[in-house]
Amino acid sequence: MKLRLVRVLAALAATSLVTVGLVTSAAPPSYAAGESYVALGDSYSSGTGTRTYINDGTECLRSTYAYASLTAAAKGYTLNFRACSGAVVADVSSTQVGALSSSTRFVTISVGGNDAGFADVLTECALPAWASDCAGAVAGARTFIQSTLPGRLGTLYTAIRTRAPNAKVVVVGYPKIFMGEDCNIATFFSPEDEAALNNAVVLINSVTASASSAKGFTFVNPVSRFTGHAVCDSTEWINGFSNPVRESYHPNRLGHSSGYLPLVSGVLTGTSVAATPAVTAAAQDDATRQAALQRTYAEQDRKITPKLFRPPTEERLRELAKERVSTTTPGERGRLGRLTPVGPWGGTAVTPLARWRRPPVPAAPDPPGRRGDGACTRRR
């Protein structure tokens, strides 16, 4: 009898220890359907370039075709889509980070390109060689990226971790835009310009990767994924000079669905997802809810200044030609005057004559899949 009682007491004690262990052991975080996902950042996160945007009363150009929307739809997460076209680090800090909380489970962010003035640099480099200081513009951006951007990113990343202590944070880089050829009829990027611009992307990705790693975040570099799909490649995942201009030099729908989505979703959630018809439909079904949610931030978002590429125009080139005419020979003056308008955008662009090239052969229609947006006038 006494031996049986001892055995019962021992069993009860063992059960109690197991129970205590279950109660006090830290449970792993649960990343299940319905978890909170906040997408922060600039136009490369918002989906600018995909041509379809939610009606949220802003110029943020948030798209259901963006990788954040597609990831949330595929995994069943509850998305707060705060990324906004034109955002710089200060905008993310002042208008977007407030959406984070201790319950946020996932965060993605791309930012820094606008701080470095990439739109203005592209604008400068798109001019014909005689009118452009592309090398100087790129050098200025590189100096900023190396000297000023790391501190800004460090401060921002600290704020993100403070507000979302339990979140998986993935910092997303930028793809190289060019492949060494400018096939767009109204821009004048030289191979040297394109190499310099691509190298600036490599630099900003390197700086961003270091800053994110220092805070324990994961950096995703899309350069390799986008290789072979730059502007003027056979299948572009990045728009060239486009109509409307705001779509220019941003990832298109293929860039998000085939480029960013499998890359970012795999790191963020542990499983890469695909933009199947069902996933795309689910993302579109969330547009009304998302638009209503983002309208609650609209007053803040309207303070963000758009950062737009500005194509060469006949008026601008004539002004630049006048500035240079006093230092040119008579023959060069004649060449500088040979500026003629191009039709598709109301005579606002210039032909390759401004770069002293032969006039282009009229372009045949692009084959299917040639462009993501189908709106660019191309040289042949």
Protein backbone atom coordinates (compact mmCIF):
# COMPACT_ATOMS: atom_id res chain seq x y z
CA MET A 1 0.00 0.00 0.00
CA LYS A 2 2.78 2.38 0.99
CA LEU A 3 4.70 1.51 -2.21
CA ARG A 4 1.62 2.22 -4.36
CA LEU A 5 1.17 5.63 -2.69
CA VAL A 6 4.78 6.54 -3.39
CA ARG A 7 4.31 5.66 -7.07
CA VAL A 8 1.17 7.81 -7.32
CA LEU A 9 2.91 10.78 -5.72
CA ALA A 10 5.88 10.39 -8.04
CA ALA A 11 3.58 10.33 -11.08
CA LEU A 12 1.79 13.48 -9.88
CA ALA A 13 5.11 15.24 -9.36
CA ALA A 14 6.28 14.34 -12.86
CA THR A 15 3.02 15.59 -14.32
CA SER A 16 3.39 18.86 -12.42
CA LEU A 17 6.91 19.39 -13.74
CA VAL A 18 5.78 18.80 -17.33
CA THR A 19 2.91 21.24 -16.84
CA VAL A 20 5.19 23.90 -15.43
CA GLY A 21 7.55 23.40 -18.36
CA LEU A 22 4.73 23.86 -20.84
CA VAL A 23 3.59 27.05 -19.18
CA THR A 24 6.95 28.71 -18.73
CA SER A 25 8.70 27.66 -21.97
CA ALA A 26 8.79 30.47 -24.58
CA ALA A 27 6.62 29.52 -27.53
CA PRO A 28 8.02 30.23 -31.01
CA PRO A 29 6.34 33.12 -32.84
CA SER A 30 3.35 32.09 -34.92
CA TYR A 31 3.38 33.26 -38.53
CA ALA A 32 -0.06 32.13 -39.54
CA ALA A 33 -2.72 33.42 -41.90
CA GLY A 34 -4.04 36.79 -40.85
CA GLU A 35 -0.73 37.93 -39.37
CA SER A 36 0.08 41.64 -39.66
CA TYR A 37 2.32 42.63 -42.59
CA VAL A 38 3.38 46.26 -43.08
CA ALA A 39 5.02 47.25 -46.38
CA LEU A 40 7.17 50.38 -46.08
CA GLY A 41 9.24 52.33 -48.54
CA ASP A 42 9.32 54.06 -51.90
CA SER A 43 8.06 53.54 -55.45
CA TYR A 44 9.97 50.28 -55.93
CA SER A 45 7.87 48.85 -53.08
CA SER A 46 4.58 50.59 -53.88
CA GLY A 47 4.38 49.11 -57.37
CA THR A 48 4.94 52.20 -59.49
CA GLY A 49 5.45 50.95 -63.02
CA THR A 50 2.65 48.37 -62.98
CA ARG A 51 0.10 50.85 -64.40
CA THR A 52 -2.82 49.97 -62.12
CA TYR A 53 -3.17 51.64 -58.70
CA ILE A 54 -5.63 51.61 -55.85
CA ASN A 55 -7.87 54.63 -55.43
CA ASP A 56 -6.63 55.87 -52.07
CA GLY A 57 -6.73 59.63 -52.70
CA THR A 58 -2.94 59.99 -52.97
CA GLU A 59 -0.14 59.94 -55.53
CA CYS A 60 1.57 57.02 -53.80
CA LEU A 61 0.84 54.70 -56.74
CA ARG A 62 0.17 51.59 -54.68
CA SER A 63 -0.60 48.57 -56.81
CA THR A 64 -2.25 45.21 -56.25
CA TYR A 65 0.40 43.89 -58.65
CA ALA A 66 3.23 44.88 -56.30
CA TYR A 67 5.14 42.09 -54.57
CA ALA A 68 3.80 43.13 -51.16
CA SER A 69 0.19 42.79 -52.30
CA LEU A 70 0.87 39.45 -53.96
CA THR A 71 2.76 38.08 -50.94
CA ALA A 72 -0.03 39.05 -48.56
CA ALA A 73 -2.66 37.54 -50.86
CA ALA A 74 -0.77 34.27 -51.24
CA LYS A 75 -0.15 33.83 -47.50
CA GLY A 76 -3.41 35.31 -46.21
CA TYR A 77 -1.65 38.06 -44.26
CA THR A 78 -3.34 41.32 -43.32
CA LEU A 79 -1.45 43.99 -45.26
CA ASN A 80 -1.04 47.64 -44.36
CA PHE A 81 0.46 48.99 -47.59
CA ARG A 82 2.26 52.16 -46.49
CA ALA A 83 4.94 52.28 -49.21
CA CYS A 84 4.58 55.44 -51.28
CA SER A 85 6.09 56.67 -54.53
CA GLY A 86 8.52 59.51 -53.89
CA ALA A 87 9.24 58.59 -50.28
CA VAL A 88 12.64 59.39 -48.81
CA VAL A 89 13.95 58.12 -45.48
CA ALA A 90 12.43 61.09 -43.64
CA ASP A 91 9.00 60.34 -45.16
CA VAL A 92 9.16 56.72 -44.05
CA SER A 93 10.07 57.86 -40.55
CA SER A 94 7.35 60.49 -40.30
CA THR A 95 4.44 58.93 -42.22
CA GLN A 96 4.96 55.16 -42.38
CA VAL A 97 6.73 53.79 -39.30
CA GLY A 98 3.73 54.74 -37.16
CA ALA A 99 1.83 51.82 -38.72
CA LEU A 100 4.13 49.35 -36.92
CA SER A 101 3.43 47.82 -33.51
CA SER A 102 4.44 44.92 -31.31
CA SER A 103 1.84 42.79 -33.12
CA THR A 104 3.45 43.39 -36.54
CA ARG A 105 4.90 40.09 -37.76
CA PHE A 106 6.34 41.05 -41.17
CA VAL A 107 7.94 44.20 -42.55
CA THR A 108 9.45 44.90 -45.98
CA ILE A 109 11.13 48.13 -47.00
CA SER A 110 13.06 49.67 -49.88
CA VAL A 111 14.28 53.23 -49.47
CA GLY A 112 17.31 55.40 -50.22
CA GLY A 113 17.16 55.83 -53.99
CA ASN A 114 15.14 59.03 -53.73
CA ASP A 115 17.46 60.37 -51.03
CA ALA A 116 20.34 59.89 -53.46
CA GLY A 117 18.40 61.76 -56.18
CA PHE A 118 18.21 58.90 -58.65
CA ALA A 119 15.36 60.49 -60.63
CA ASP A 120 17.40 63.67 -61.14
CA VAL A 121 20.50 61.66 -62.04
CA LEU A 122 18.55 59.69 -64.65
CA THR A 123 17.16 62.97 -65.98
CA GLU A 124 20.68 64.35 -66.42
CA CYS A 125 22.07 61.19 -67.99
CA ALA A 126 19.18 60.94 -70.46
CA LEU A 127 20.33 64.13 -72.20
CA PRO A 128 22.53 63.96 -75.31
CA ALA A 129 26.22 63.93 -74.49
CA TRP A 130 26.84 67.56 -75.44
CA ALA A 131 24.16 68.70 -72.98
CA SER A 132 24.77 66.29 -70.11
CA ASP A 133 27.02 66.05 -67.08
CA CYS A 134 26.09 62.46 -66.33
CA ALA A 135 29.45 61.67 -64.74
CA GLY A 136 29.11 64.61 -62.36
CA ALA A 137 25.54 63.69 -61.42
CA VAL A 138 26.49 60.08 -60.70
CA ALA A 139 29.54 61.17 -58.70
CA GLY A 140 27.35 63.40 -56.54
CA ALA A 141 24.93 60.56 -55.86
CA ARG A 142 27.77 58.19 -54.96
CA THR A 143 29.21 60.70 -52.50
CA PHE A 144 25.83 61.02 -50.81
CA ILE A 145 25.33 57.25 -50.68
CA GLN A 146 28.69 56.71 -49.04
CA SER A 147 28.72 59.64 -46.62
CA THR A 148 25.15 60.53 -45.65
CA LEU A 149 22.83 57.63 -46.42
CA PRO A 150 24.28 55.13 -43.88
CA GLY A 151 23.41 57.36 -40.94
CA ARG A 152 19.89 57.99 -42.20
CA LEU A 153 19.27 54.28 -42.73
CA GLY A 154 20.69 53.39 -39.32
CA THR A 155 18.36 55.80 -37.55
CA LEU A 156 15.35 54.56 -39.54
CA TYR A 157 16.11 50.90 -38.94
CA THR A 158 16.44 51.53 -35.21
CA ALA A 159 12.98 53.12 -35.22
CA ILE A 160 11.54 50.15 -37.11
CA ARG A 161 12.95 47.65 -34.64
CA THR A 162 11.76 49.71 -31.67
CA ARG A 163 8.20 49.86 -32.93
CA ALA A 164 8.06 46.30 -34.29
CA PRO A 165 10.22 44.25 -31.89
CA ASN A 166 8.70 40.91 -32.95
CA ALA A 167 8.71 41.40 -36.69
CA LYS A 168 10.73 39.69 -39.40
CA VAL A 169 12.19 42.66 -41.30
CA VAL A 170 13.38 42.29 -44.89
CA VAL A 171 15.17 45.18 -46.56
CA VAL A 172 14.89 45.06 -50.35
CA GLY A 173 17.49 46.47 -52.73
CA TYR A 174 17.27 47.84 -56.26
CA PRO A 175 17.88 46.05 -59.58
CA LYS A 176 20.27 47.32 -62.23
CA ILE A 177 18.18 49.27 -64.73
CA PHE A 178 20.25 49.02 -67.90
CA MET A 179 21.91 46.36 -70.06
CA GLY A 180 24.35 48.54 -72.05
CA GLU A 181 22.08 49.70 -74.88
CA ASP A 182 19.59 52.55 -75.13
CA CYS A 183 16.81 51.48 -77.48
CA ASN A 184 14.37 54.24 -76.51
CA ILE A 185 14.04 56.88 -79.19
CA ALA A 186 13.82 59.99 -76.98
CA THR A 187 16.63 59.31 -74.48
CA PHE A 188 20.39 59.34 -74.98
CA PHE A 189 22.03 57.09 -72.41
CA SER A 190 25.48 56.03 -73.61
CA PRO A 191 26.96 52.63 -72.67
CA GLU A 192 29.25 54.50 -70.28
CA ASP A 193 26.28 56.30 -68.71
CA GLU A 194 24.45 53.03 -68.22
CA ALA A 195 27.48 51.34 -66.66
CA ALA A 196 27.93 54.24 -64.24
CA LEU A 197 24.25 54.18 -63.26
CA ASN A 198 24.31 50.42 -62.73
CA ASN A 199 27.43 50.74 -60.59
CA ALA A 200 25.64 53.32 -58.45
CA VAL A 201 22.91 50.73 -57.86
CA VAL A 202 25.53 48.21 -56.76
CA LEU A 203 26.90 50.81 -54.33
CA ILE A 204 23.55 51.71 -52.76
CA ASN A 205 22.73 48.02 -52.37
CA SER A 206 26.05 47.43 -50.62
CA VAL A 207 25.55 50.35 -48.23
CA THR A 208 21.96 49.31 -47.53
CA ALA A 209 22.97 45.70 -46.92
CA SER A 210 25.56 46.78 -44.34
CA ALA A 211 23.12 49.09 -42.56
CA SER A 212 20.40 46.45 -42.43
CA SER A 213 22.75 43.72 -41.22
CA ALA A 214 23.93 45.95 -38.39
CA LYS A 215 20.34 46.04 -37.08
CA GLY A 216 19.73 42.31 -37.51
CA PHE A 217 17.56 42.72 -40.61
CA THR A 218 17.77 40.54 -43.73
CA PHE A 219 18.79 42.19 -47.00
CA VAL A 220 17.51 40.91 -50.35
CA ASN A 221 19.54 41.85 -53.42
CA PRO A 222 17.50 41.61 -56.65
CA VAL A 223 20.36 42.29 -59.09
CA SER A 224 20.97 38.69 -60.10
CA ARG A 225 17.27 37.92 -60.34
CA PHE A 226 16.71 40.81 -62.77
CA THR A 227 19.78 40.10 -64.91
CA GLY A 228 18.64 39.59 -68.49
CA HIS A 229 15.47 41.60 -67.90
CA ALA A 230 16.71 45.20 -67.80
CA VAL A 231 15.54 48.06 -69.99
CA CYS A 232 15.96 47.04 -73.66
CA ASP A 233 16.47 43.34 -72.89
CA SER A 234 14.26 40.99 -74.93
CA THR A 235 11.82 40.60 -72.02
CA GLU A 236 11.89 43.68 -69.84
CA TRP A 237 10.99 43.55 -66.17
CA ILE A 238 11.83 47.25 -65.88
CA ASN A 239 10.13 49.92 -67.96
CA GLY A 240 12.19 52.16 -70.18
CA PHE A 241 11.01 55.66 -71.11
CA SER A 242 7.24 55.25 -70.95
CA ASN A 243 3.95 57.05 -71.33
CA PRO A 244 2.91 58.30 -68.83
CA VAL A 245 6.40 59.30 -67.79
CA ARG A 246 5.82 58.33 -64.15
CA GLU A 247 5.97 54.67 -65.21
CA SER A 248 9.52 55.07 -66.52
CA TYR A 249 12.47 53.18 -65.01
CA HIS A 250 10.43 51.16 -62.54
CA PRO A 251 9.71 47.43 -62.36
CA ASN A 252 6.62 46.48 -64.34
CA ARG A 253 4.18 43.69 -63.52
CA LEU A 254 6.63 41.01 -64.57
CA GLY A 255 9.29 42.69 -62.47
CA HIS A 256 7.13 42.28 -59.39
CA SER A 257 5.59 38.88 -60.12
CA SER A 258 8.65 37.14 -61.58
CA GLY A 259 11.42 39.26 -60.12
CA TYR A 260 10.67 40.52 -56.63
CA LEU A 261 7.87 38.18 -55.52
CA PRO A 262 9.64 34.79 -55.41
CA LEU A 263 12.79 36.40 -54.05
CA VAL A 264 11.28 38.51 -51.27
CA SER A 265 8.48 36.15 -50.24
CA GLY A 266 10.89 33.26 -49.78
CA VAL A 267 13.09 35.23 -47.40
CA LEU A 268 10.18 36.91 -45.62
CA THR A 269 7.94 33.91 -45.04
CA GLY A 270 10.20 30.90 -45.56
CA THR A 271 8.37 29.79 -48.69
CA SER A 272 8.51 31.41 -52.12
CA VAL A 273 5.12 32.11 -53.60
CA ALA A 274 4.02 32.51 -57.20
CA ALA A 275 1.63 34.99 -58.78
CA THR A 276 -0.94 32.41 -59.83
CA PRO A 277 -4.29 33.60 -61.19
CA ALA A 278 -5.84 32.86 -57.82
CA VAL A 279 -3.21 34.89 -55.95
CA THR A 280 -3.52 37.80 -58.37
CA ALA A 281 -7.31 37.75 -58.03
CA ALA A 282 -7.06 37.68 -54.24
CA ALA A 283 -4.75 40.70 -54.29
CA GLN A 284 -7.19 42.59 -56.49
CA ASP A 285 -10.07 41.63 -54.23
CA ASP A 286 -8.27 43.38 -51.37
CA ALA A 287 -8.02 46.67 -53.28
CA THR A 288 -11.18 48.21 -51.80
CA ARG A 289 -10.20 47.41 -48.22
CA GLN A 290 -6.66 48.59 -48.80
CA ALA A 291 -7.77 51.85 -50.42
CA ALA A 292 -10.05 52.62 -47.48
CA LEU A 293 -7.24 51.90 -45.04
CA GLN A 294 -4.74 54.10 -46.87
CA ARG A 295 -7.21 56.98 -47.09
CA THR A 296 -6.90 57.27 -43.32
CA TYR A 297 -3.26 58.28 -43.92
CA ALA A 298 -3.93 60.36 -47.04
CA GLU A 299 -3.33 63.75 -45.43
CA GLN A 300 0.18 62.64 -44.42
CA ASP A 301 0.89 60.95 -47.74
CA ARG A 302 0.00 64.03 -49.77
CA LYS A 303 3.00 65.77 -48.23
CA ILE A 304 5.36 63.38 -50.00
CA THR A 305 6.86 65.02 -53.06
CA PRO A 306 6.87 62.89 -56.24
CA LYS A 307 10.36 62.20 -57.62
CA LEU A 308 9.91 61.96 -61.37
CA PHE A 309 12.21 61.35 -64.29
CA ARG A 310 12.02 64.26 -66.75
CA PRO A 311 12.67 63.31 -70.38
CA PRO A 312 14.68 65.52 -72.73
CA THR A 313 12.49 68.17 -74.33
CA GLU A 314 12.98 70.33 -77.39
CA GLU A 315 12.66 73.47 -75.29
CA ARG A 316 15.22 72.36 -72.73
CA LEU A 317 17.73 71.28 -75.35
CA ARG A 318 17.39 74.55 -77.23
CA GLU A 319 18.11 76.42 -73.98
CA LEU A 320 21.17 74.28 -73.36
CA ALA A 321 22.29 74.79 -76.95
CA LYS A 322 22.10 78.56 -76.50
CA GLU A 323 24.25 78.32 -73.40
CA ARG A 324 26.92 76.48 -75.36
CA VAL A 325 26.73 78.32 -78.68
CA SER A 326 29.30 80.95 -77.69
CA THR A 327 31.96 78.28 -77.18
CA THR A 328 31.30 76.17 -80.29
CA THR A 329 32.50 76.32 -83.87
CA PRO A 330 30.15 77.45 -86.66
CA GLY A 331 29.71 73.84 -87.81
CA GLU A 332 28.78 72.68 -84.33
CA ARG A 333 26.31 75.54 -84.00
CA GLY A 334 24.48 74.23 -87.03
CA ARG A 335 24.32 70.78 -85.53
CA LEU A 336 23.04 72.10 -82.22
CA GLY A 337 20.14 73.70 -84.07
CA ARG A 338 18.96 70.43 -85.62
CA LEU A 339 16.42 69.63 -82.92
CA THR A 340 13.06 68.29 -84.04
CA PRO A 341 10.07 67.05 -82.05
CA VAL A 342 8.82 63.48 -81.78
CA GLY A 343 5.11 62.86 -82.18
CA PRO A 344 3.91 60.44 -79.46
CA TRP A 345 4.13 62.95 -76.59
CA GLY A 346 2.93 66.08 -78.33
CA GLY A 347 6.30 67.23 -79.67
CA THR A 348 7.94 67.40 -76.25
CA ALA A 349 10.83 65.02 -76.89
CA VAL A 350 13.72 65.16 -79.34
CA THR A 351 15.01 62.78 -81.97
CA PRO A 352 18.50 61.29 -82.05
CA LEU A 353 19.49 64.19 -84.35
CA ALA A 354 20.23 66.06 -81.13
CA ARG A 355 22.98 63.53 -80.55
CA TRP A 356 24.18 63.82 -84.16
CA ARG A 357 22.97 60.36 -85.14
CA ARG A 358 21.22 59.29 -88.29
CA PRO A 359 17.41 59.51 -88.03
CA PRO A 360 15.96 56.21 -86.78
CA VAL A 361 14.22 53.76 -89.08
CA PRO A 362 10.48 53.75 -88.28
CA ALA A 363 9.95 51.16 -85.56
CA ALA A 364 7.97 48.01 -86.21
CA PRO A 365 5.53 46.91 -83.49
CA ASP A 366 7.26 45.22 -80.59
CA PRO A 367 6.74 41.45 -80.42
CA PRO A 368 4.66 40.07 -77.56
CA GLY A 369 6.58 40.11 -74.31
CA ARG A 370 9.08 42.68 -75.59
CA ARG A 371 7.96 45.31 -73.11
CA GLY A 372 6.16 45.16 -69.84
CA ASP A 373 4.13 48.30 -70.60
CA GLY A 374 4.02 48.40 -74.41
CA ALA A 375 4.24 52.20 -74.42
CA CYS A 376 7.81 53.04 -75.35
CA THR A 377 8.85 54.37 -78.73
CA ARG A 378 12.00 52.47 -79.65
CA ARG A 379 14.95 52.83 -82.01
CA ARG A 380 15.79 50.05 -84.41
